[in-house]
N, C-alpha and C. Protein backbone atom coordinates (compact mmCIF):
# COMPACT_ATOMS: atom_id res chain seq x y z
N MET A 1 -84.33 178.81 42.65
CA MET A 1 -85.75 178.51 42.61
C MET A 1 -86.06 177.72 41.33
N ARG A 2 -87.13 176.96 41.41
CA ARG A 2 -87.57 176.20 40.26
C ARG A 2 -88.37 177.10 39.33
N ARG A 3 -88.54 176.66 38.10
CA ARG A 3 -89.29 177.45 37.13
C ARG A 3 -90.79 177.41 37.42
N THR A 4 -91.28 176.32 37.99
CA THR A 4 -92.70 176.21 38.27
C THR A 4 -93.04 176.89 39.58
N GLN A 5 -94.25 177.42 39.69
CA GLN A 5 -94.66 178.09 40.90
C GLN A 5 -95.33 177.17 41.89
N ASN A 6 -95.74 176.01 41.48
CA ASN A 6 -96.52 175.15 42.35
C ASN A 6 -95.67 174.14 43.12
N CYS A 7 -94.43 174.45 43.37
CA CYS A 7 -93.55 173.49 44.05
C CYS A 7 -93.31 173.88 45.50
N GLY A 8 -94.01 174.88 46.03
CA GLY A 8 -93.81 175.31 47.40
C GLY A 8 -94.76 174.61 48.36
N VAL A 9 -94.24 174.22 49.53
CA VAL A 9 -95.06 173.58 50.55
C VAL A 9 -94.71 174.17 51.91
N VAL A 10 -95.65 174.05 52.83
CA VAL A 10 -95.43 174.44 54.22
C VAL A 10 -96.00 173.31 55.09
N VAL A 11 -95.26 172.97 56.14
CA VAL A 11 -95.72 171.97 57.09
C VAL A 11 -95.67 172.60 58.48
N ASN A 12 -96.73 172.41 59.23
CA ASN A 12 -96.82 172.95 60.57
C ASN A 12 -96.40 171.86 61.55
N SER A 13 -95.40 172.16 62.37
CA SER A 13 -94.85 171.17 63.28
C SER A 13 -94.98 171.65 64.72
N SER A 14 -95.42 170.78 65.58
CA SER A 14 -95.51 171.08 67.01
C SER A 14 -94.18 170.69 67.66
N ILE A 15 -93.58 171.63 68.39
CA ILE A 15 -92.29 171.36 69.02
C ILE A 15 -92.35 171.70 70.50
N THR A 16 -91.45 171.11 71.24
CA THR A 16 -91.28 171.41 72.66
C THR A 16 -89.91 172.04 72.82
N SER A 17 -89.87 173.19 73.48
CA SER A 17 -88.59 173.87 73.66
C SER A 17 -88.51 174.44 75.07
N TYR A 18 -87.31 174.88 75.42
CA TYR A 18 -87.05 175.49 76.72
C TYR A 18 -86.58 176.92 76.49
N ALA A 19 -86.96 177.81 77.41
CA ALA A 19 -86.57 179.21 77.28
C ALA A 19 -85.07 179.38 77.45
N SER A 20 -84.46 178.55 78.30
CA SER A 20 -83.02 178.61 78.51
C SER A 20 -82.54 177.26 79.01
N ALA A 21 -81.21 177.11 79.15
CA ALA A 21 -80.65 175.84 79.63
C ALA A 21 -81.01 175.60 81.08
N ARG A 22 -81.26 176.65 81.83
CA ARG A 22 -81.61 176.52 83.25
C ARG A 22 -83.09 176.24 83.48
N ASN A 23 -83.88 176.51 82.49
CA ASN A 23 -85.33 176.36 82.62
C ASN A 23 -85.69 174.89 82.51
N SER A 24 -86.52 174.40 83.44
CA SER A 24 -86.93 172.99 83.40
C SER A 24 -88.38 172.83 82.96
N ASN A 25 -89.05 173.92 82.61
CA ASN A 25 -90.43 173.87 82.16
C ASN A 25 -90.48 173.95 80.64
N PRO A 26 -90.82 172.85 79.99
CA PRO A 26 -90.90 172.90 78.52
C PRO A 26 -92.12 173.70 78.07
N VAL A 27 -91.96 174.35 76.94
CA VAL A 27 -93.04 175.12 76.34
C VAL A 27 -93.33 174.53 74.96
N GLU A 28 -94.62 174.28 74.70
CA GLU A 28 -94.99 173.76 73.39
C GLU A 28 -95.33 174.91 72.46
N GLY A 29 -94.96 174.75 71.21
CA GLY A 29 -95.25 175.78 70.22
C GLY A 29 -95.30 175.16 68.83
N ASN A 30 -95.68 175.97 67.89
CA ASN A 30 -95.76 175.52 66.50
C ASN A 30 -94.72 176.25 65.67
N VAL A 31 -94.09 175.52 64.76
CA VAL A 31 -93.13 176.09 63.83
C VAL A 31 -93.57 175.68 62.43
N GLU A 32 -93.59 176.66 61.53
CA GLU A 32 -93.90 176.36 60.14
C GLU A 32 -92.60 176.22 59.37
N TYR A 33 -92.44 175.08 58.68
CA TYR A 33 -91.27 174.83 57.85
C TYR A 33 -91.69 175.00 56.39
N TYR A 34 -90.91 175.79 55.66
CA TYR A 34 -91.21 176.08 54.26
C TYR A 34 -90.22 175.35 53.37
N GLY A 35 -90.74 174.70 52.32
CA GLY A 35 -89.88 173.92 51.46
C GLY A 35 -90.21 174.05 49.99
N LEU A 36 -89.24 173.62 49.19
CA LEU A 36 -89.39 173.51 47.74
C LEU A 36 -89.33 172.03 47.39
N ILE A 37 -90.32 171.53 46.70
CA ILE A 37 -90.34 170.11 46.32
C ILE A 37 -89.26 169.86 45.27
N THR A 38 -88.38 168.91 45.56
CA THR A 38 -87.33 168.54 44.60
C THR A 38 -87.58 167.16 44.00
N ASP A 39 -88.37 166.34 44.68
CA ASP A 39 -88.64 164.99 44.18
C ASP A 39 -89.95 164.50 44.80
N ILE A 40 -90.69 163.70 44.05
CA ILE A 40 -91.93 163.09 44.54
C ILE A 40 -91.75 161.58 44.42
N ILE A 41 -91.97 160.89 45.53
CA ILE A 41 -91.77 159.44 45.58
C ILE A 41 -93.08 158.79 46.01
N GLU A 42 -93.52 157.80 45.23
CA GLU A 42 -94.71 157.04 45.60
C GLU A 42 -94.27 155.64 46.02
N LEU A 43 -94.60 155.27 47.25
CA LEU A 43 -94.32 153.93 47.75
C LEU A 43 -95.59 153.09 47.59
N ASP A 44 -95.48 152.00 46.85
CA ASP A 44 -96.61 151.12 46.59
C ASP A 44 -96.41 149.84 47.39
N TYR A 45 -97.29 149.61 48.35
CA TYR A 45 -97.19 148.42 49.19
C TYR A 45 -98.06 147.31 48.61
N TYR A 46 -97.56 146.68 47.55
CA TYR A 46 -98.17 145.54 46.89
C TYR A 46 -99.62 145.78 46.52
N GLY A 47 -99.93 146.98 46.11
CA GLY A 47 -101.28 147.30 45.68
C GLY A 47 -102.28 147.48 46.80
N ARG A 48 -101.89 147.26 48.04
CA ARG A 48 -102.82 147.42 49.16
C ARG A 48 -103.02 148.88 49.53
N TRP A 49 -101.95 149.65 49.56
CA TRP A 49 -102.03 151.09 49.78
C TRP A 49 -100.79 151.74 49.25
N LYS A 50 -100.91 153.04 49.03
CA LYS A 50 -99.80 153.81 48.49
C LYS A 50 -99.54 155.00 49.40
N VAL A 51 -98.27 155.38 49.48
CA VAL A 51 -97.86 156.53 50.27
C VAL A 51 -97.04 157.44 49.36
N VAL A 52 -97.35 158.73 49.38
CA VAL A 52 -96.61 159.69 48.57
C VAL A 52 -95.75 160.55 49.49
N LEU A 53 -94.46 160.62 49.16
CA LEU A 53 -93.51 161.43 49.91
C LEU A 53 -92.98 162.54 49.03
N PHE A 54 -92.76 163.70 49.64
CA PHE A 54 -92.10 164.81 48.96
C PHE A 54 -90.71 164.97 49.55
N ARG A 55 -89.71 165.03 48.69
CA ARG A 55 -88.37 165.41 49.14
C ARG A 55 -88.26 166.91 48.88
N CYS A 56 -87.87 167.64 49.91
CA CYS A 56 -87.88 169.10 49.81
C CYS A 56 -86.55 169.69 50.24
N ASP A 57 -86.27 170.86 49.69
CA ASP A 57 -85.24 171.74 50.23
C ASP A 57 -85.95 172.65 51.21
N TRP A 58 -85.53 172.61 52.48
CA TRP A 58 -86.20 173.35 53.54
C TRP A 58 -85.43 174.61 53.88
N ALA A 59 -86.13 175.75 53.87
CA ALA A 59 -85.51 177.02 54.26
C ALA A 59 -85.22 176.99 55.76
N ASP A 60 -84.14 177.65 56.16
CA ASP A 60 -83.74 177.71 57.57
C ASP A 60 -84.67 178.68 58.30
N VAL A 61 -85.66 178.13 59.02
CA VAL A 61 -86.61 178.96 59.76
C VAL A 61 -86.18 179.17 61.20
N ASN A 62 -85.00 178.65 61.55
CA ASN A 62 -84.51 178.78 62.92
C ASN A 62 -83.66 180.03 63.12
N THR A 63 -83.19 180.63 62.04
CA THR A 63 -82.33 181.82 62.15
C THR A 63 -82.83 182.92 61.22
N ALA A 64 -82.40 184.13 61.48
CA ALA A 64 -82.81 185.29 60.68
C ALA A 64 -82.20 185.27 59.29
N ARG A 65 -81.21 184.42 59.04
CA ARG A 65 -80.63 184.37 57.70
C ARG A 65 -81.51 183.59 56.72
N GLY A 66 -82.52 182.87 57.23
CA GLY A 66 -83.39 182.09 56.35
C GLY A 66 -84.82 182.55 56.32
N ILE A 67 -85.26 183.30 57.34
CA ILE A 67 -86.66 183.74 57.41
C ILE A 67 -86.73 185.10 58.08
N LYS A 68 -87.66 185.92 57.60
CA LYS A 68 -87.90 187.22 58.23
C LYS A 68 -89.30 187.68 57.84
N GLU A 69 -89.75 188.72 58.49
CA GLU A 69 -91.04 189.31 58.18
C GLU A 69 -90.80 190.73 57.68
N ASP A 70 -91.45 191.09 56.57
CA ASP A 70 -91.25 192.45 56.05
C ASP A 70 -92.17 193.44 56.75
N GLN A 71 -92.10 194.70 56.36
CA GLN A 71 -92.87 195.76 57.03
C GLN A 71 -94.37 195.61 56.82
N PHE A 72 -94.80 194.81 55.85
CA PHE A 72 -96.22 194.60 55.59
C PHE A 72 -96.76 193.33 56.26
N GLY A 73 -95.89 192.60 56.96
CA GLY A 73 -96.31 191.39 57.65
C GLY A 73 -96.19 190.12 56.83
N PHE A 74 -95.58 190.20 55.64
CA PHE A 74 -95.40 189.01 54.81
C PHE A 74 -94.18 188.22 55.29
N THR A 75 -94.28 186.91 55.22
CA THR A 75 -93.16 186.04 55.53
C THR A 75 -92.22 186.01 54.34
N MET A 76 -90.93 186.22 54.60
CA MET A 76 -89.90 186.22 53.56
C MET A 76 -88.94 185.07 53.84
N LEU A 77 -88.52 184.38 52.77
CA LEU A 77 -87.61 183.24 52.90
C LEU A 77 -86.40 183.41 52.01
N ASN A 78 -85.28 182.85 52.48
CA ASN A 78 -84.05 182.83 51.70
C ASN A 78 -83.65 181.37 51.53
N PHE A 79 -83.76 180.85 50.32
CA PHE A 79 -83.49 179.44 50.08
C PHE A 79 -82.01 179.14 49.84
N SER A 80 -81.15 180.14 50.01
CA SER A 80 -79.72 179.85 49.96
C SER A 80 -79.23 179.35 51.32
N CYS A 81 -80.08 179.46 52.34
CA CYS A 81 -79.77 178.95 53.69
C CYS A 81 -80.76 177.83 53.99
N LEU A 82 -80.29 176.58 53.84
CA LEU A 82 -81.18 175.42 53.98
C LEU A 82 -80.90 174.65 55.26
N ILE A 83 -81.92 173.93 55.73
CA ILE A 83 -81.78 172.97 56.83
C ILE A 83 -82.33 171.64 56.34
N HIS A 84 -82.05 170.60 57.06
CA HIS A 84 -82.53 169.24 56.74
C HIS A 84 -82.23 168.87 55.30
N THR A 85 -81.00 169.00 54.92
CA THR A 85 -80.59 168.71 53.54
C THR A 85 -80.34 167.23 53.30
N GLY A 86 -80.29 166.44 54.36
CA GLY A 86 -80.02 165.02 54.22
C GLY A 86 -78.55 164.69 54.33
N GLN A 87 -77.70 165.69 54.56
CA GLN A 87 -76.26 165.44 54.68
C GLN A 87 -75.90 164.85 56.04
N GLN A 88 -76.69 165.14 57.06
CA GLN A 88 -76.45 164.57 58.37
C GLN A 88 -77.49 163.49 58.64
N LEU A 89 -77.15 162.56 59.51
CA LEU A 89 -78.03 161.43 59.78
C LEU A 89 -79.38 161.88 60.35
N MET A 90 -79.38 162.93 61.15
CA MET A 90 -80.63 163.37 61.77
C MET A 90 -81.47 164.27 60.86
N ASP A 91 -80.94 164.68 59.73
CA ASP A 91 -81.71 165.49 58.78
C ASP A 91 -82.79 164.64 58.12
N GLU A 92 -83.94 165.24 57.93
CA GLU A 92 -85.04 164.52 57.28
C GLU A 92 -85.64 165.42 56.20
N PRO A 93 -85.22 165.23 54.96
CA PRO A 93 -85.75 166.08 53.89
C PRO A 93 -87.12 165.64 53.38
N TYR A 94 -87.65 164.50 53.87
CA TYR A 94 -88.90 163.95 53.35
C TYR A 94 -90.07 164.32 54.25
N VAL A 95 -91.24 164.43 53.63
CA VAL A 95 -92.48 164.70 54.34
C VAL A 95 -93.60 163.99 53.59
N PHE A 96 -94.60 163.53 54.32
CA PHE A 96 -95.77 162.92 53.68
C PHE A 96 -96.55 164.00 52.95
N SER A 97 -97.08 163.67 51.79
CA SER A 97 -97.86 164.65 51.02
C SER A 97 -99.10 165.10 51.79
N SER A 98 -99.62 164.24 52.66
CA SER A 98 -100.81 164.57 53.43
C SER A 98 -100.51 165.57 54.55
N GLN A 99 -99.25 165.81 54.87
CA GLN A 99 -98.89 166.69 55.97
C GLN A 99 -98.67 168.14 55.54
N VAL A 100 -98.62 168.41 54.26
CA VAL A 100 -98.25 169.74 53.79
C VAL A 100 -99.43 170.48 53.19
N LYS A 101 -99.26 171.79 53.11
CA LYS A 101 -100.18 172.64 52.36
C LYS A 101 -99.36 173.35 51.29
N GLN A 102 -100.01 173.65 50.19
CA GLN A 102 -99.31 174.29 49.08
C GLN A 102 -99.20 175.79 49.32
N VAL A 103 -98.03 176.32 49.02
CA VAL A 103 -97.80 177.77 49.03
C VAL A 103 -97.05 178.13 47.75
N PHE A 104 -97.01 179.42 47.45
CA PHE A 104 -96.28 179.91 46.30
C PHE A 104 -95.22 180.87 46.78
N TYR A 105 -94.11 180.93 46.08
CA TYR A 105 -93.03 181.84 46.42
C TYR A 105 -92.85 182.82 45.28
N SER A 106 -92.88 184.10 45.63
CA SER A 106 -92.69 185.16 44.65
C SER A 106 -91.39 185.89 44.97
N LYS A 107 -90.54 186.03 43.96
CA LYS A 107 -89.25 186.67 44.15
C LYS A 107 -89.44 188.13 44.54
N ASP A 108 -88.72 188.56 45.56
CA ASP A 108 -88.77 189.95 46.00
C ASP A 108 -87.84 190.77 45.11
N PRO A 109 -88.36 191.71 44.33
CA PRO A 109 -87.50 192.46 43.41
C PRO A 109 -86.57 193.45 44.12
N THR A 110 -86.88 193.80 45.36
CA THR A 110 -86.06 194.79 46.07
C THR A 110 -85.01 194.17 46.97
N ASP A 111 -85.15 192.89 47.29
CA ASP A 111 -84.22 192.24 48.22
C ASP A 111 -83.70 190.94 47.59
N GLU A 112 -82.50 190.97 47.07
CA GLU A 112 -81.90 189.85 46.33
C GLU A 112 -81.86 188.57 47.18
N GLY A 113 -82.34 187.48 46.61
CA GLY A 113 -82.28 186.18 47.26
C GLY A 113 -83.45 185.87 48.18
N TRP A 114 -84.36 186.80 48.37
CA TRP A 114 -85.50 186.60 49.26
C TRP A 114 -86.78 186.41 48.45
N TYR A 115 -87.68 185.59 49.00
CA TYR A 115 -88.94 185.26 48.36
C TYR A 115 -90.08 185.50 49.34
N VAL A 116 -91.19 186.01 48.82
CA VAL A 116 -92.39 186.25 49.62
C VAL A 116 -93.25 184.98 49.58
N VAL A 117 -93.74 184.57 50.75
CA VAL A 117 -94.62 183.40 50.84
C VAL A 117 -96.04 183.86 50.55
N LEU A 118 -96.66 183.25 49.55
CA LEU A 118 -98.04 183.54 49.20
C LEU A 118 -98.88 182.29 49.47
N ARG A 119 -99.81 182.44 50.36
CA ARG A 119 -100.68 181.31 50.70
C ARG A 119 -101.91 181.35 49.80
N ASN A 120 -102.34 180.19 49.39
CA ASN A 120 -103.54 180.12 48.56
C ASN A 120 -104.65 179.46 49.35
N THR A 121 -105.87 179.79 48.98
CA THR A 121 -107.02 179.16 49.61
C THR A 121 -107.66 178.23 48.59
N THR A 122 -108.09 177.11 49.06
CA THR A 122 -108.71 176.12 48.19
C THR A 122 -110.07 176.63 47.74
N ARG A 123 -110.33 176.54 46.45
CA ARG A 123 -111.63 176.95 45.93
C ARG A 123 -112.44 175.72 45.56
N ASP A 124 -113.74 175.88 45.66
CA ASP A 124 -114.68 174.84 45.24
C ASP A 124 -114.45 173.51 45.96
N LEU A 125 -114.25 173.57 47.26
CA LEU A 125 -114.11 172.37 48.06
C LEU A 125 -115.43 172.17 48.79
N PHE A 126 -116.05 171.03 48.59
CA PHE A 126 -117.36 170.77 49.14
C PHE A 126 -117.29 169.60 50.11
N GLU A 127 -118.06 169.67 51.17
CA GLU A 127 -118.17 168.57 52.11
C GLU A 127 -119.12 167.55 51.50
N MET A 128 -118.57 166.39 51.13
CA MET A 128 -119.37 165.38 50.45
C MET A 128 -119.88 164.31 51.41
N GLY A 129 -119.55 164.42 52.69
CA GLY A 129 -120.03 163.44 53.65
C GLY A 129 -119.19 162.18 53.61
N ASN A 130 -119.71 161.14 54.22
CA ASN A 130 -118.97 159.89 54.32
C ASN A 130 -119.48 158.83 53.35
N ARG A 131 -120.28 159.24 52.39
CA ARG A 131 -120.82 158.27 51.43
C ARG A 131 -119.76 157.84 50.45
N SER A 132 -119.90 156.63 49.97
CA SER A 132 -118.97 156.13 48.96
C SER A 132 -119.39 156.66 47.59
N ARG A 133 -118.50 156.54 46.64
CA ARG A 133 -118.78 157.01 45.28
C ARG A 133 -119.94 156.22 44.66
N ASP A 134 -120.06 154.94 44.99
CA ASP A 134 -121.15 154.12 44.46
C ASP A 134 -122.51 154.64 44.92
N ASP A 135 -122.60 155.09 46.19
CA ASP A 135 -123.86 155.63 46.70
C ASP A 135 -124.25 156.89 45.95
N ILE A 136 -123.28 157.72 45.64
CA ILE A 136 -123.55 158.98 44.94
C ILE A 136 -124.04 158.70 43.53
N VAL A 137 -123.42 157.73 42.83
CA VAL A 137 -123.82 157.39 41.46
C VAL A 137 -125.23 156.83 41.45
N GLU A 138 -125.53 155.90 42.36
CA GLU A 138 -126.87 155.31 42.40
C GLU A 138 -127.92 156.37 42.66
N ARG A 139 -127.66 157.25 43.59
CA ARG A 139 -128.61 158.30 43.95
C ARG A 139 -128.84 159.25 42.77
N SER A 140 -127.77 159.61 42.08
CA SER A 140 -127.92 160.57 40.98
C SER A 140 -128.64 159.96 39.79
N GLU A 141 -128.54 158.65 39.61
CA GLU A 141 -129.23 158.00 38.49
C GLU A 141 -130.74 157.90 38.74
N THR A 142 -131.15 157.92 39.99
CA THR A 142 -132.57 157.75 40.29
C THR A 142 -133.27 159.07 40.54
N LEU A 143 -132.55 160.19 40.43
CA LEU A 143 -133.20 161.48 40.65
C LEU A 143 -134.20 161.74 39.54
N PRO A 144 -135.40 162.24 39.90
CA PRO A 144 -136.37 162.56 38.85
C PRO A 144 -135.94 163.84 38.14
N PHE A 145 -135.98 163.79 36.83
CA PHE A 145 -135.63 164.96 36.05
C PHE A 145 -136.91 165.68 35.65
N PRO A 146 -136.92 167.00 35.75
CA PRO A 146 -138.15 167.73 35.38
C PRO A 146 -138.38 167.66 33.87
N GLU A 147 -139.64 167.71 33.50
CA GLU A 147 -139.98 167.72 32.08
C GLU A 147 -139.56 169.03 31.48
N GLN A 148 -139.09 168.97 30.27
CA GLN A 148 -138.71 170.19 29.58
C GLN A 148 -139.56 170.36 28.34
N ASN A 149 -139.99 171.57 28.12
CA ASN A 149 -140.73 171.88 26.91
C ASN A 149 -139.74 172.53 25.95
N LEU A 150 -139.31 171.79 24.95
CA LEU A 150 -138.29 172.29 24.03
C LEU A 150 -138.79 173.42 23.15
N ASP A 151 -140.10 173.54 23.00
CA ASP A 151 -140.64 174.61 22.18
C ASP A 151 -140.35 175.99 22.79
N GLU A 152 -140.11 176.04 24.10
CA GLU A 152 -139.83 177.31 24.75
C GLU A 152 -138.50 177.90 24.26
N ASN A 153 -137.57 177.04 23.85
CA ASN A 153 -136.25 177.50 23.44
C ASN A 153 -136.16 177.82 21.96
N ILE A 154 -137.18 177.49 21.19
CA ILE A 154 -137.17 177.74 19.75
C ILE A 154 -137.92 179.03 19.49
N PRO A 155 -137.28 180.00 18.85
CA PRO A 155 -137.98 181.27 18.59
C PRO A 155 -139.13 181.07 17.62
N SER A 156 -140.16 181.86 17.82
CA SER A 156 -141.31 181.75 16.92
C SER A 156 -140.94 182.31 15.55
N THR A 157 -141.68 181.91 14.55
CA THR A 157 -141.37 182.34 13.19
C THR A 157 -141.72 183.80 12.97
N SER A 158 -142.55 184.36 13.83
CA SER A 158 -142.93 185.76 13.65
C SER A 158 -141.81 186.71 14.10
N THR A 159 -140.89 186.23 14.89
CA THR A 159 -139.79 187.08 15.36
C THR A 159 -138.63 186.95 14.40
N GLN A 160 -138.15 188.09 13.93
CA GLN A 160 -137.03 188.10 13.00
C GLN A 160 -135.73 188.21 13.79
N HIS A 161 -134.78 187.34 13.49
CA HIS A 161 -133.46 187.39 14.12
C HIS A 161 -132.43 187.60 13.03
N GLN A 162 -131.57 188.55 13.22
CA GLN A 162 -130.54 188.83 12.24
C GLN A 162 -129.24 188.16 12.70
N TRP A 163 -128.73 187.23 11.91
CA TRP A 163 -127.54 186.47 12.27
C TRP A 163 -126.35 186.83 11.40
N VAL A 164 -126.45 187.87 10.59
CA VAL A 164 -125.38 188.25 9.68
C VAL A 164 -124.85 189.61 10.12
N ARG A 165 -123.53 189.75 10.14
CA ARG A 165 -122.93 191.04 10.47
C ARG A 165 -122.77 191.84 9.19
N HIS A 166 -123.17 193.09 9.23
CA HIS A 166 -123.05 193.96 8.07
C HIS A 166 -121.91 194.96 8.22
N ASP A 167 -121.22 194.94 9.32
CA ASP A 167 -120.15 195.90 9.55
C ASP A 167 -118.79 195.36 9.13
N MET A 168 -118.74 194.24 8.41
CA MET A 168 -117.49 193.63 7.98
C MET A 168 -117.41 193.65 6.46
N ASP A 169 -116.18 193.63 5.94
CA ASP A 169 -115.98 193.53 4.49
C ASP A 169 -116.44 192.17 4.02
N GLU A 170 -116.93 192.12 2.82
CA GLU A 170 -117.45 190.86 2.30
C GLU A 170 -116.36 190.01 1.65
N ASP A 171 -115.17 190.53 1.52
CA ASP A 171 -114.10 189.75 0.89
C ASP A 171 -113.64 188.64 1.82
N ILE A 172 -113.34 187.51 1.25
CA ILE A 172 -112.84 186.36 2.01
C ILE A 172 -111.38 186.15 1.65
N TYR A 173 -110.52 186.09 2.65
CA TYR A 173 -109.09 185.92 2.42
C TYR A 173 -108.68 184.53 2.92
N GLU A 174 -107.83 183.88 2.14
CA GLU A 174 -107.34 182.57 2.54
C GLU A 174 -105.89 182.61 2.89
């Protein structure tokens, strides 16, 4: 595992599978792939647009040696069993940054080599609409500001305020 905690990602993939070799009816389902970011690549297309790719080590979610669920319902991963390492032609260790969500991995102290997947929720995300940044700046500059009476914040001279602490020694040490 890496020293940083913010290197975990999960990507949700829609797959088509068959229940058996004899079955001719495909079934669609979702598989979550869990990875550790090992490299970040930004492709710059002559300043017109940029694409960010993450190269990841992907845990084997196809077998019980790479993924399991504990008695509390937490997803557990073993990163010593990897898939899509890039060693075979069909392996794809890269994913678009826009396709993933961030997760954290916490080492399981009772089960050597296994990590608990911790999902985080985004805080302070606001729907800003489809307006451009220029529209927001123009609108905020023209908002009327209420008048403030600064005298309200200044204490009157009749009220005594004590700003000195008397519970401390008066000696000054350098």
